[in-house]
Structure formats: structure tokens, C-alpha cells
């Protein structure tokens, strides 16, 4: 009987991917439990037991799922985030969890820059108004001389910094680990979190969620920001207190926001989604032909490498 590998990312299960041939060539049976759809916990409980490998998407992988997954040795994410996986349970059970580091950096960075430009000129708002038969204009602003704050300056943040500098912006970056070798321009520098919050015209999130699950950007943090700030989140939903941001949009402390990640996907009853000052996209940061291709190849190679070790 062939050893099985579960594959769940929607971008792969909807139409397959050439990289999966490596798994078949290595002698594994590839299993798609929910083609084109994100699996539920019940789906994983049915499909994962008996699998030695798991190429995982963004679905939640709970301790209950991992404890039921008899025989599972490796989880390989087709992205860099693993906060959807109960890492404590994985370590306790001896299950290796791999990341596709850098695979979707370009796609996410380009989306973040697209959101910044769209907010600056209110592109979705204008488009929606014209399609509804209106001609209402909302004054925008030019990016030259404005300051972009980055919270997180890893692979993605560094790309966003370069894009923003190319648009004649200034960039302040906060990161727990600073890279002194990254000095792309005199208009770029590292700064404290408080300085980034206080001096930025727009702030873009590019860091993991906090281990304690609390939002990094809460009401107190938003109060430290410039009045009329723009917030862009293509990283993790838990980074920003949604209720605090909604209140800031209502009272004018924040002028607009762009959100690509939600606690529940698709979001239901989220006040941010209904606001005409919010651009909402359905978790498409890494959803490009190139990013998906790179991520799947890296995830498959990571999976096979770890399985060979074991």
C-alpha cells in the first residue's frame, strides 16, 4: 500500500500542479480531500489519519486534528505563516512543520503597494461610485515625500520599502531583528515602534502575529498615529484590533485601511468590510501565478526532504 500525502491548498487542489508529480514519482499517493475548497476540521479528521505527509494551506490545524493524525511525520506549508498550526501540539507529537520561506514575498509586497496606491487615490471608491451611476470624487494625495511605516522588515517588508522609495516616499521600519546590511536609500531607516506609529502617513504590516494572540495595533497604538493615517494589513488578521480600527475610521483618526486577511474567511458581519473607507481583498497576497508556483515547488521539496530524513 502506497504511503499517502494530503494536499489541501485551494490554489493547488482546484487544478493540480506539476510539482505534485515529484510526490508521485517518489512513490506517494496524493490525496485531495476537498478539491478547490478549504477543508474544515471535520474534513481533516477524516482525511489526515494514515497520511505520512501533509502539504497544508491556511486552514486551521488544531491539536485535535494532529492528535488524530496517526502516522503523520511532516507538515509542509505552501507559505511562510504557521500560526494556523498548533505548533505546541506538533512539537509534542514529533511532527516537523516546514515553511516555504520567501516563496510569496513578491506577490504580497506588490499587493501591499497596490493597496497603498489605491487608498491614496481612492480607486475602489471611485470605481464603485461610477458603476452605481454617480460621479462623487474623494480627494487623494501624492506619495512623494510621504512617510511609509513598516512593521516588519523581512523579505516582504524590504520589497515594499524598495517599491515605496521608488515612488519617492520616505520609509521608517520597525523590526525586532534589524538588518544593518539593508540600507537601500538615505530615505530609509530603522526606527522604534512608537516612532513608526507617530510619524507615518501610511503603515503596512509585515510581521507574524504575537505569540499571546493579542493585537499589536490596538486602540492605544492607533491613538499614537497621525490623524488621517492609512493602515494596510496583508500579514495576519490578529495583528490589528478590528473594532478599534473601525472606531478610528468612524472618528477620522484613520482615513482608510486595506485588509487582505480576516479572522474568519470569508468574513461575516465584519464592520470593516462594509466601510467605504476600507479596501477588502480575499487573502490574495500570495495568490499570483508566480507565487503559487514557487510556493508549491518549495513546499513539495521541503516535504520530500524531511520525509527522506525520517
C-alpha atoms as a PDB file:
ATOM      1  CA  UNK A   1       0.000   0.000   0.000  1.00  0.00           C
ATOM      2  CA  UNK A   2       1.381   3.420  -1.003  1.00  0.00           C
ATOM      3  CA  UNK A   3       2.087   5.965   1.722  1.00  0.00           C
ATOM      4  CA  UNK A   4      -0.278   8.929   1.435  1.00  0.00           C
ATOM      5  CA  UNK A   5       0.281  12.668   1.376  1.00  0.00           C
ATOM      6  CA  UNK A   6      -2.622  15.035   1.977  1.00  0.00           C
ATOM      7  CA  UNK A   7      -2.753  18.202  -0.149  1.00  0.00           C
ATOM      8  CA  UNK A   8      -5.174  20.991   0.801  1.00  0.00           C
ATOM      9  CA  UNK A   9      -4.196  24.450  -0.593  1.00  0.00           C
ATOM     10  CA  UNK A  10      -7.100  25.641  -2.748  1.00  0.00           C
ATOM     11  CA  UNK A  11      -4.747  27.077  -5.362  1.00  0.00           C
ATOM     12  CA  UNK A  12      -3.390  23.547  -5.905  1.00  0.00           C
ATOM     13  CA  UNK A  13      -6.369  21.255  -5.380  1.00  0.00           C
ATOM     14  CA  UNK A  14      -8.587  23.225  -7.782  1.00  0.00           C
ATOM     15  CA  UNK A  15      -6.496  22.294 -10.796  1.00  0.00           C
ATOM     16  CA  UNK A  16      -3.430  20.381  -9.685  1.00  0.00           C
ATOM     17  CA  UNK A  17       0.183  21.457 -10.087  1.00  0.00           C
ATOM     18  CA  UNK A  18       3.190  19.953 -11.918  1.00  0.00           C
ATOM     19  CA  UNK A  19       5.265  19.886  -8.710  1.00  0.00           C
ATOM     20  CA  UNK A  20       2.958  17.207  -7.305  1.00  0.00           C
ATOM     21  CA  UNK A  21       4.462  14.806  -9.830  1.00  0.00           C
ATOM     22  CA  UNK A  22       7.575  14.752  -7.623  1.00  0.00           C
ATOM     23  CA  UNK A  23       5.481  13.221  -4.831  1.00  0.00           C
ATOM     24  CA  UNK A  24       4.044  10.563  -7.136  1.00  0.00           C
ATOM     25  CA  UNK A  25       7.470   9.819  -8.599  1.00  0.00           C
ATOM     26  CA  UNK A  26       8.759   9.305  -5.065  1.00  0.00           C
ATOM     27  CA  UNK A  27       6.118   6.632  -4.543  1.00  0.00           C
ATOM     28  CA  UNK A  28       3.447   8.527  -2.616  1.00  0.00           C
ATOM     29  CA  UNK A  29      -0.297   8.624  -3.174  1.00  0.00           C
ATOM     30  CA  UNK A  30      -1.514  12.245  -3.347  1.00  0.00           C
ATOM     31  CA  UNK A  31      -4.894  12.873  -1.701  1.00  0.00           C
ATOM     32  CA  UNK A  32      -7.147  15.930  -2.250  1.00  0.00           C
ATOM     33  CA  UNK A  33      -9.863  15.807   0.456  1.00  0.00           C
ATOM     34  CA  UNK A  34     -11.738  18.949  -0.670  1.00  0.00           C
ATOM     35  CA  UNK A  35     -10.756  19.957  -4.233  1.00  0.00           C
ATOM     36  CA  UNK A  36     -10.941  23.733  -4.681  1.00  0.00           C
ATOM     37  CA  UNK A  37     -12.219  24.307  -1.137  1.00  0.00           C
ATOM     38  CA  UNK A  38     -10.620  24.953   2.243  1.00  0.00           C
ATOM     39  CA  UNK A  39     -11.065  21.873   4.446  1.00  0.00           C
ATOM     40  CA  UNK A  40     -12.864  22.059   7.758  1.00  0.00           C
ATOM     41  CA  UNK A  41     -11.653  20.404  10.937  1.00  0.00           C
ATOM     42  CA  UNK A  42     -14.088  17.560  10.241  1.00  0.00           C
ATOM     43  CA  UNK A  43     -12.599  17.099   6.759  1.00  0.00           C
ATOM     44  CA  UNK A  44      -9.091  16.893   8.210  1.00  0.00           C
ATOM     45  CA  UNK A  45     -10.154  14.460  10.917  1.00  0.00           C
ATOM     46  CA  UNK A  46     -11.474  12.165   8.201  1.00  0.00           C
ATOM     47  CA  UNK A  47      -8.631  12.510   5.706  1.00  0.00           C
ATOM     48  CA  UNK A  48      -5.405  13.033   7.651  1.00  0.00           C
ATOM     49  CA  UNK A  49      -5.109   9.838   9.744  1.00  0.00           C
ATOM     50  CA  UNK A  50      -2.812   7.441   7.911  1.00  0.00           C
ATOM     51  CA  UNK A  51      -1.030  10.145   5.928  1.00  0.00           C
ATOM     52  CA  UNK A  52       2.734  10.486   6.423  1.00  0.00           C
ATOM     53  CA  UNK A  53       2.892  13.967   4.894  1.00  0.00           C
ATOM     54  CA  UNK A  54       0.624  16.975   4.692  1.00  0.00           C
ATOM     55  CA  UNK A  55       1.015  19.865   2.234  1.00  0.00           C
ATOM     56  CA  UNK A  56      -1.076  22.436   4.081  1.00  0.00           C
ATOM     57  CA  UNK A  57      -2.808  25.680   3.190  1.00  0.00           C
ATOM     58  CA  UNK A  58      -4.200  28.332   5.532  1.00  0.00           C
ATOM     59  CA  UNK A  59      -6.812  26.121   7.219  1.00  0.00           C
ATOM     60  CA  UNK A  60      -6.614  25.734  10.992  1.00  0.00           C
ATOM     61  CA  UNK A  61      -4.739  22.632  12.045  1.00  0.00           C
ATOM     62  CA  UNK A  62      -5.785  22.084  15.642  1.00  0.00           C
ATOM     63  CA  UNK A  63      -4.302  19.895  18.356  1.00  0.00           C
ATOM     64  CA  UNK A  64      -7.329  17.628  17.943  1.00  0.00           C
ATOM     65  CA  UNK A  65      -6.504  17.123  14.263  1.00  0.00           C
ATOM     66  CA  UNK A  66      -2.820  16.463  14.957  1.00  0.00           C
ATOM     67  CA  UNK A  67      -3.555  14.017  17.746  1.00  0.00           C
ATOM     68  CA  UNK A  68      -5.838  12.075  15.396  1.00  0.00           C
ATOM     69  CA  UNK A  69      -3.261  12.069  12.590  1.00  0.00           C
ATOM     70  CA  UNK A  70      -1.662   8.723  13.329  1.00  0.00           C
ATOM     71  CA  UNK A  71       1.496   8.268  11.251  1.00  0.00           C
ATOM     72  CA  UNK A  72       1.904  11.925  10.283  1.00  0.00           C
ATOM     73  CA  UNK A  73       5.574  12.929  10.170  1.00  0.00           C
ATOM     74  CA  UNK A  74       5.750  16.233   8.271  1.00  0.00           C
ATOM     75  CA  UNK A  75       3.541  19.259   7.600  1.00  0.00           C
ATOM     76  CA  UNK A  76       4.798  21.485   4.793  1.00  0.00           C
ATOM     77  CA  UNK A  77       3.133  24.888   4.393  1.00  0.00           C
ATOM     78  CA  UNK A  78       2.905  26.470   0.952  1.00  0.00           C
ATOM     79  CA  UNK A  79       3.548  29.828   2.640  1.00  0.00           C
ATOM     80  CA  UNK A  80       5.573  31.354   5.455  1.00  0.00           C
ATOM     81  CA  UNK A  81       2.908  31.554   8.157  1.00  0.00           C
ATOM     82  CA  UNK A  82       2.424  28.666  10.565  1.00  0.00           C
ATOM     83  CA  UNK A  83       0.140  30.374  13.085  1.00  0.00           C
ATOM     84  CA  UNK A  84      -2.737  28.291  11.693  1.00  0.00           C
ATOM     85  CA  UNK A  85      -0.956  25.189  13.010  1.00  0.00           C
ATOM     86  CA  UNK A  86      -0.964  24.278  16.708  1.00  0.00           C
ATOM     87  CA  UNK A  87       2.821  24.311  16.984  1.00  0.00           C
ATOM     88  CA  UNK A  88       2.825  23.177  20.603  1.00  0.00           C
ATOM     89  CA  UNK A  89       0.923  20.026  19.668  1.00  0.00           C
ATOM     90  CA  UNK A  90       3.143  19.450  16.629  1.00  0.00           C
ATOM     91  CA  UNK A  91       6.303  19.615  18.767  1.00  0.00           C
ATOM     92  CA  UNK A  92       4.784  17.365  21.410  1.00  0.00           C
ATOM     93  CA  UNK A  93       3.859  14.787  18.781  1.00  0.00           C
ATOM     94  CA  UNK A  94       7.196  14.994  16.956  1.00  0.00           C
ATOM     95  CA  UNK A  95       5.685  16.369  13.740  1.00  0.00           C
ATOM     96  CA  UNK A  96       8.041  18.585  11.727  1.00  0.00           C
ATOM     97  CA  UNK A  97       6.494  21.797  10.315  1.00  0.00           C
ATOM     98  CA  UNK A  98       8.198  23.416   7.297  1.00  0.00           C
ATOM     99  CA  UNK A  99       7.720  26.868   5.752  1.00  0.00           C
ATOM    100  CA  UNK A 100       8.042  27.929   2.107  1.00  0.00           C
ATOM    101  CA  UNK A 101      10.277  30.844   3.029  1.00  0.00           C
ATOM    102  CA  UNK A 102      10.342  33.712   0.548  1.00  0.00           C
ATOM    103  CA  UNK A 103       8.110  31.994  -1.987  1.00  0.00           C
ATOM    104  CA  UNK A 104       5.258  34.508  -1.945  1.00  0.00           C
ATOM    105  CA  UNK A 105       7.203  37.609  -0.894  1.00  0.00           C
ATOM    106  CA  UNK A 106       6.922  39.368  -4.237  1.00  0.00           C
ATOM    107  CA  UNK A 107       3.206  38.773  -4.591  1.00  0.00           C
ATOM    108  CA  UNK A 108       2.398  40.031  -1.094  1.00  0.00           C
ATOM    109  CA  UNK A 109       4.684  43.044  -1.434  1.00  0.00           C
ATOM    110  CA  UNK A 110       3.144  44.050  -4.750  1.00  0.00           C
ATOM    111  CA  UNK A 111      -0.365  43.748  -3.284  1.00  0.00           C
ATOM    112  CA  UNK A 112       0.622  45.925  -0.316  1.00  0.00           C
ATOM    113  CA  UNK A 113       1.905  48.590  -2.708  1.00  0.00           C
ATOM    114  CA  UNK A 114      -1.236  48.301  -4.828  1.00  0.00           C
ATOM    115  CA  UNK A 115      -3.304  48.899  -1.687  1.00  0.00           C
ATOM    116  CA  UNK A 116      -1.236  51.948  -0.756  1.00  0.00           C
ATOM    117  CA  UNK A 117      -1.752  53.459  -4.213  1.00  0.00           C
ATOM    118  CA  UNK A 118      -5.447  52.564  -4.245  1.00  0.00           C
ATOM    119  CA  UNK A 119      -6.008  54.222  -0.867  1.00  0.00           C
ATOM    120  CA  UNK A 120      -4.032  57.307  -1.831  1.00  0.00           C
ATOM    121  CA  UNK A 121      -6.301  57.869  -4.842  1.00  0.00           C
ATOM    122  CA  UNK A 122      -9.497  56.131  -3.610  1.00  0.00           C
ATOM    123  CA  UNK A 123      -9.604  53.902  -6.669  1.00  0.00           C
ATOM    124  CA  UNK A 124     -12.171  51.288  -5.476  1.00  0.00           C
ATOM    125  CA  UNK A 125     -14.420  54.016  -4.052  1.00  0.00           C
ATOM    126  CA  UNK A 126     -14.401  55.906  -7.356  1.00  0.00           C
ATOM    127  CA  UNK A 127     -14.956  52.747  -9.387  1.00  0.00           C
ATOM    128  CA  UNK A 128     -17.912  51.677  -7.258  1.00  0.00           C
ATOM    129  CA  UNK A 129     -19.480  55.147  -7.467  1.00  0.00           C
ATOM    130  CA  UNK A 130     -19.319  55.378 -11.241  1.00  0.00           C
ATOM    131  CA  UNK A 131     -20.735  51.868 -11.656  1.00  0.00           C
ATOM    132  CA  UNK A 132     -23.634  52.921  -9.416  1.00  0.00           C
ATOM    133  CA  UNK A 133     -24.322  55.865 -11.723  1.00  0.00           C
ATOM    134  CA  UNK A 134     -22.643  58.519  -9.597  1.00  0.00           C
ATOM    135  CA  UNK A 135     -19.788  60.975 -10.030  1.00  0.00           C
ATOM    136  CA  UNK A 136     -18.646  61.638  -6.446  1.00  0.00           C
ATOM    137  CA  UNK A 137     -14.950  62.390  -6.061  1.00  0.00           C
ATOM    138  CA  UNK A 138     -12.834  61.955  -2.942  1.00  0.00           C
ATOM    139  CA  UNK A 139      -9.601  63.963  -2.922  1.00  0.00           C
ATOM    140  CA  UNK A 140      -6.459  61.869  -2.764  1.00  0.00           C
ATOM    141  CA  UNK A 141      -2.814  62.667  -2.172  1.00  0.00           C
ATOM    142  CA  UNK A 142       0.502  62.096  -3.906  1.00  0.00           C
ATOM    143  CA  UNK A 143       3.044  59.744  -2.361  1.00  0.00           C
ATOM    144  CA  UNK A 144       6.117  61.911  -2.915  1.00  0.00           C
ATOM    145  CA  UNK A 145       7.554  62.996   0.418  1.00  0.00           C
ATOM    146  CA  UNK A 146       5.059  60.961   2.447  1.00  0.00           C
ATOM    147  CA  UNK A 147       6.336  58.513   5.062  1.00  0.00           C
ATOM    148  CA  UNK A 148       5.537  54.806   4.899  1.00  0.00           C
ATOM    149  CA  UNK A 149       5.887  52.914   8.161  1.00  0.00           C
ATOM    150  CA  UNK A 150       6.704  49.221   8.000  1.00  0.00           C
ATOM    151  CA  UNK A 151       6.015  46.961  10.936  1.00  0.00           C
ATOM    152  CA  UNK A 152       8.164  44.012   9.993  1.00  0.00           C
ATOM    153  CA  UNK A 153      11.056  44.366   7.556  1.00  0.00           C
ATOM    154  CA  UNK A 154      11.840  40.839   6.431  1.00  0.00           C
ATOM    155  CA  UNK A 155      11.662  39.569   2.850  1.00  0.00           C
ATOM    156  CA  UNK A 156       8.286  41.182   2.178  1.00  0.00           C
ATOM    157  CA  UNK A 157       8.889  44.402   4.099  1.00  0.00           C
ATOM    158  CA  UNK A 158      12.175  45.020   2.300  1.00  0.00           C
ATOM    159  CA  UNK A 159      10.491  44.702  -1.074  1.00  0.00           C
ATOM    160  CA  UNK A 160       7.720  47.102  -0.029  1.00  0.00           C
ATOM    161  CA  UNK A 161      10.396  49.530   1.170  1.00  0.00           C
ATOM    162  CA  UNK A 162      12.082  49.463  -2.246  1.00  0.00           C
ATOM    163  CA  UNK A 163       8.762  49.995  -4.045  1.00  0.00           C
ATOM    164  CA  UNK A 164       7.879  52.931  -1.789  1.00  0.00           C
ATOM    165  CA  UNK A 165      11.315  54.504  -2.194  1.00  0.00           C
ATOM    166  CA  UNK A 166      10.851  54.196  -5.940  1.00  0.00           C
ATOM    167  CA  UNK A 167       7.689  56.288  -5.537  1.00  0.00           C
ATOM    168  CA  UNK A 168       9.733  58.971  -3.724  1.00  0.00           C
ATOM    169  CA  UNK A 169       8.378  58.091  -0.291  1.00  0.00           C
ATOM    170  CA  UNK A 170      10.374  58.009   2.923  1.00  0.00           C
ATOM    171  CA  UNK A 171      10.383  54.742   4.853  1.00  0.00           C
ATOM    172  CA  UNK A 172      10.586  54.037   8.581  1.00  0.00           C
ATOM    173  CA  UNK A 173      10.840  50.370   9.521  1.00  0.00           C
ATOM    174  CA  UNK A 174      10.371  48.625  12.840  1.00  0.00           C
ATOM    175  CA  UNK A 175      11.623  45.081  13.235  1.00  0.00           C
ATOM    176  CA  UNK A 176      12.648  43.035  16.250  1.00  0.00           C
ATOM    177  CA  UNK A 177      15.757  41.987  14.316  1.00  0.00           C
ATOM    178  CA  UNK A 178      17.266  44.768  12.222  1.00  0.00           C
ATOM    179  CA  UNK A 179      19.423  44.023   9.190  1.00  0.00           C
ATOM    180  CA  UNK A 180      22.232  46.609   9.062  1.00  0.00           C
ATOM    181  CA  UNK A 181      23.115  45.443   5.549  1.00  0.00           C
ATOM    182  CA  UNK A 182      19.746  46.640   4.269  1.00  0.00           C
ATOM    183  CA  UNK A 183      20.224  50.332   3.560  1.00  0.00           C
ATOM    184  CA  UNK A 184      18.566  50.937   0.181  1.00  0.00           C
ATOM    185  CA  UNK A 185      18.399  54.730   0.399  1.00  0.00           C
ATOM    186  CA  UNK A 186      19.101  57.724   2.644  1.00  0.00           C
ATOM    187  CA  UNK A 187      15.295  57.966   2.838  1.00  0.00           C
ATOM    188  CA  UNK A 188      15.140  54.595   4.653  1.00  0.00           C
ATOM    189  CA  UNK A 189      15.964  53.935   8.287  1.00  0.00           C
ATOM    190  CA  UNK A 190      15.009  51.658  11.140  1.00  0.00           C
ATOM    191  CA  UNK A 191      13.051  53.184  13.998  1.00  0.00           C
ATOM    192  CA  UNK A 192      11.267  52.257  17.207  1.00  0.00           C
ATOM    193  CA  UNK A 193       7.672  51.086  17.036  1.00  0.00           C
ATOM    194  CA  UNK A 194       6.478  54.290  18.697  1.00  0.00           C
ATOM    195  CA  UNK A 195       8.305  56.418  16.120  1.00  0.00           C
ATOM    196  CA  UNK A 196       6.846  54.420  13.244  1.00  0.00           C
ATOM    197  CA  UNK A 197       3.368  54.871  14.705  1.00  0.00           C
ATOM    198  CA  UNK A 198       3.797  58.603  15.315  1.00  0.00           C
ATOM    199  CA  UNK A 199       5.488  59.703  12.090  1.00  0.00           C
ATOM    200  CA  UNK A 200       3.981  57.556   9.321  1.00  0.00           C
ATOM    201  CA  UNK A 201       1.344  58.689   6.838  1.00  0.00           C
ATOM    202  CA  UNK A 202       0.647  55.046   5.981  1.00  0.00           C
ATOM    203  CA  UNK A 203       1.554  51.903   7.928  1.00  0.00           C
ATOM    204  CA  UNK A 204       1.891  48.460   6.377  1.00  0.00           C
ATOM    205  CA  UNK A 205       2.014  45.249   8.427  1.00  0.00           C
ATOM    206  CA  UNK A 206       4.592  42.582   7.529  1.00  0.00           C
ATOM    207  CA  UNK A 207       5.224  40.590  10.702  1.00  0.00           C
ATOM    208  CA  UNK A 208       3.896  37.449  12.402  1.00  0.00           C
ATOM    209  CA  UNK A 209       1.055  37.567  14.903  1.00  0.00           C
ATOM    210  CA  UNK A 210       2.073  37.952  18.532  1.00  0.00           C
ATOM    211  CA  UNK A 211       2.538  34.652  20.421  1.00  0.00           C
ATOM    212  CA  UNK A 212      -0.040  35.682  23.033  1.00  0.00           C
ATOM    213  CA  UNK A 213      -2.675  36.284  20.345  1.00  0.00           C
ATOM    214  CA  UNK A 214      -3.178  39.937  21.311  1.00  0.00           C
ATOM    215  CA  UNK A 215      -3.314  42.607  18.581  1.00  0.00           C
ATOM    216  CA  UNK A 216      -0.160  44.635  18.071  1.00  0.00           C
ATOM    217  CA  UNK A 217      -2.271  47.508  16.766  1.00  0.00           C
ATOM    218  CA  UNK A 218      -4.983  48.240  19.330  1.00  0.00           C
ATOM    219  CA  UNK A 219      -6.821  51.411  20.272  1.00  0.00           C
ATOM    220  CA  UNK A 220      -3.846  52.755  22.221  1.00  0.00           C
ATOM    221  CA  UNK A 221      -1.483  52.206  19.289  1.00  0.00           C
ATOM    222  CA  UNK A 222      -3.902  53.856  16.850  1.00  0.00           C
ATOM    223  CA  UNK A 223      -4.167  56.869  19.158  1.00  0.00           C
ATOM    224  CA  UNK A 224      -0.394  57.382  18.800  1.00  0.00           C
ATOM    225  CA  UNK A 225      -0.682  57.615  14.999  1.00  0.00           C
ATOM    226  CA  UNK A 226      -1.049  60.700  12.840  1.00  0.00           C
ATOM    227  CA  UNK A 227      -4.637  61.776  12.357  1.00  0.00           C
ATOM    228  CA  UNK A 228      -5.724  60.559   8.918  1.00  0.00           C
ATOM    229  CA  UNK A 229      -3.310  57.618   8.791  1.00  0.00           C
ATOM    230  CA  UNK A 230      -3.805  54.718   6.371  1.00  0.00           C
ATOM    231  CA  UNK A 231      -3.375  51.126   7.610  1.00  0.00           C
ATOM    232  CA  UNK A 232      -2.566  48.198   5.318  1.00  0.00           C
ATOM    233  CA  UNK A 233      -2.651  44.600   6.562  1.00  0.00           C
ATOM    234  CA  UNK A 234      -1.561  41.815   4.220  1.00  0.00           C
ATOM    235  CA  UNK A 235       0.036  39.813   7.055  1.00  0.00           C
ATOM    236  CA  UNK A 236      -2.154  38.372   9.827  1.00  0.00           C
ATOM    237  CA  UNK A 237      -5.660  39.288  10.952  1.00  0.00           C
ATOM    238  CA  UNK A 238      -4.755  39.095  14.656  1.00  0.00           C
ATOM    239  CA  UNK A 239      -2.255  41.943  14.291  1.00  0.00           C
ATOM    240  CA  UNK A 240      -4.964  44.625  14.290  1.00  0.00           C
ATOM    241  CA  UNK A 241      -7.922  45.088  16.647  1.00  0.00           C
ATOM    242  CA  UNK A 242     -10.738  45.284  14.100  1.00  0.00           C
ATOM    243  CA  UNK A 243     -13.154  47.071  16.428  1.00  0.00           C
ATOM    244  CA  UNK A 244     -10.538  49.702  17.312  1.00  0.00           C
ATOM    245  CA  UNK A 245      -9.769  50.276  13.638  1.00  0.00           C
ATOM    246  CA  UNK A 246     -13.467  50.554  12.788  1.00  0.00           C
ATOM    247  CA  UNK A 247     -13.849  53.184  15.524  1.00  0.00           C
ATOM    248  CA  UNK A 248     -10.786  55.071  14.239  1.00  0.00           C
ATOM    249  CA  UNK A 249     -12.249  55.138  10.731  1.00  0.00           C
ATOM    250  CA  UNK A 250     -15.512  56.422  12.160  1.00  0.00           C
ATOM    251  CA  UNK A 251     -13.942  59.280  14.132  1.00  0.00           C
ATOM    252  CA  UNK A 252     -11.376  60.218  11.488  1.00  0.00           C
ATOM    253  CA  UNK A 253      -8.225  59.153  13.339  1.00  0.00           C
ATOM    254  CA  UNK A 254      -7.665  56.731  10.441  1.00  0.00           C
ATOM    255  CA  UNK A 255      -8.569  57.896   6.931  1.00  0.00           C
ATOM    256  CA  UNK A 256      -8.662  54.464   5.352  1.00  0.00           C
ATOM    257  CA  UNK A 257      -7.488  50.880   5.518  1.00  0.00           C
ATOM    258  CA  UNK A 258      -6.784  47.935   3.258  1.00  0.00           C
ATOM    259  CA  UNK A 259      -7.250  44.400   4.576  1.00  0.00           C
ATOM    260  CA  UNK A 260      -6.314  41.121   2.888  1.00  0.00           C
ATOM    261  CA  UNK A 261      -6.586  38.858   5.956  1.00  0.00           C
ATOM    262  CA  UNK A 262      -9.553  38.191   8.239  1.00  0.00           C
ATOM    263  CA  UNK A 263     -10.122  36.145  11.379  1.00  0.00           C
ATOM    264  CA  UNK A 264     -12.953  34.345   9.599  1.00  0.00           C
ATOM    265  CA  UNK A 265     -12.565  33.802   5.868  1.00  0.00           C
ATOM    266  CA  UNK A 266     -14.808  34.691   4.195  1.00  0.00           C
ATOM    267  CA  UNK A 267     -15.657  37.392   6.763  1.00  0.00           C
ATOM    268  CA  UNK A 268     -19.228  37.582   8.006  1.00  0.00           C
ATOM    269  CA  UNK A 269     -20.593  40.619   9.785  1.00  0.00           C
ATOM    270  CA  UNK A 270     -17.207  42.330   9.841  1.00  0.00           C
ATOM    271  CA  UNK A 271     -17.807  46.105  10.116  1.00  0.00           C
ATOM    272  CA  UNK A 272     -14.577  46.831   8.254  1.00  0.00           C
ATOM    273  CA  UNK A 273     -15.809  45.099   5.108  1.00  0.00           C
ATOM    274  CA  UNK A 274     -18.885  47.331   4.872  1.00  0.00           C
ATOM    275  CA  UNK A 275     -16.936  50.593   5.182  1.00  0.00           C
ATOM    276  CA  UNK A 276     -16.352  52.628   2.012  1.00  0.00           C
ATOM    277  CA  UNK A 277     -13.018  53.632   3.549  1.00  0.00           C
ATOM    278  CA  UNK A 278     -11.775  50.047   3.562  1.00  0.00           C
ATOM    279  CA  UNK A 279     -10.404  48.056   0.642  1.00  0.00           C
ATOM    280  CA  UNK A 280     -11.078  44.372   1.313  1.00  0.00           C
ATOM    281  CA  UNK A 281      -9.419  41.611  -0.705  1.00  0.00           C
ATOM    282  CA  UNK A 282      -9.919  37.838  -0.217  1.00  0.00           C
ATOM    283  CA  UNK A 283      -6.468  36.780   1.035  1.00  0.00           C
ATOM    284  CA  UNK A 284      -4.826  37.189  -2.376  1.00  0.00           C
ATOM    285  CA  UNK A 285      -1.376  38.374  -1.291  1.00  0.00           C
ATOM    286  CA  UNK A 286       0.373  35.222  -2.449  1.00  0.00           C
ATOM    287  CA  UNK A 287      -2.266  34.320  -4.999  1.00  0.00           C
ATOM    288  CA  UNK A 288      -0.347  35.008  -8.206  1.00  0.00           C
ATOM    289  CA  UNK A 289       0.769  32.541 -10.855  1.00  0.00           C
ATOM    290  CA  UNK A 290       4.390  33.067  -9.874  1.00  0.00           C
ATOM    291  CA  UNK A 291       3.947  32.996  -6.093  1.00  0.00           C
ATOM    292  CA  UNK A 292       1.778  29.891  -6.162  1.00  0.00           C
ATOM    293  CA  UNK A 293       4.244  28.144  -8.456  1.00  0.00           C
ATOM    294  CA  UNK A 294       7.237  28.982  -6.269  1.00  0.00           C
ATOM    295  CA  UNK A 295       5.412  28.114  -3.049  1.00  0.00           C
ATOM    296  CA  UNK A 296       4.246  24.711  -4.243  1.00  0.00           C
ATOM    297  CA  UNK A 297       7.687  23.748  -5.533  1.00  0.00           C
ATOM    298  CA  UNK A 298       9.333  24.810  -2.258  1.00  0.00           C
ATOM    299  CA  UNK A 299       6.662  23.101  -0.143  1.00  0.00           C
ATOM    300  CA  UNK A 300       6.943  19.840  -2.085  1.00  0.00           C
ATOM    301  CA  UNK A 301      10.759  19.890  -1.920  1.00  0.00           C
ATOM    302  CA  UNK A 302      10.638  20.584   1.842  1.00  0.00           C
ATOM    303  CA  UNK A 303       8.173  17.752   2.347  1.00  0.00           C
ATOM    304  CA  UNK A 304      10.246  15.217   0.424  1.00  0.00           C
ATOM    305  CA  UNK A 305      13.491  16.297   2.108  1.00  0.00           C
ATOM    306  CA  UNK A 306      12.031  15.835   5.590  1.00  0.00           C
ATOM    307  CA  UNK A 307      10.382  12.523   4.743  1.00  0.00           C
ATOM    308  CA  UNK A 308      13.706  11.216   3.413  1.00  0.00           C
ATOM    309  CA  UNK A 309      15.380  12.162   6.700  1.00  0.00           C
ATOM    310  CA  UNK A 310      12.790  10.128   8.578  1.00  0.00           C
END
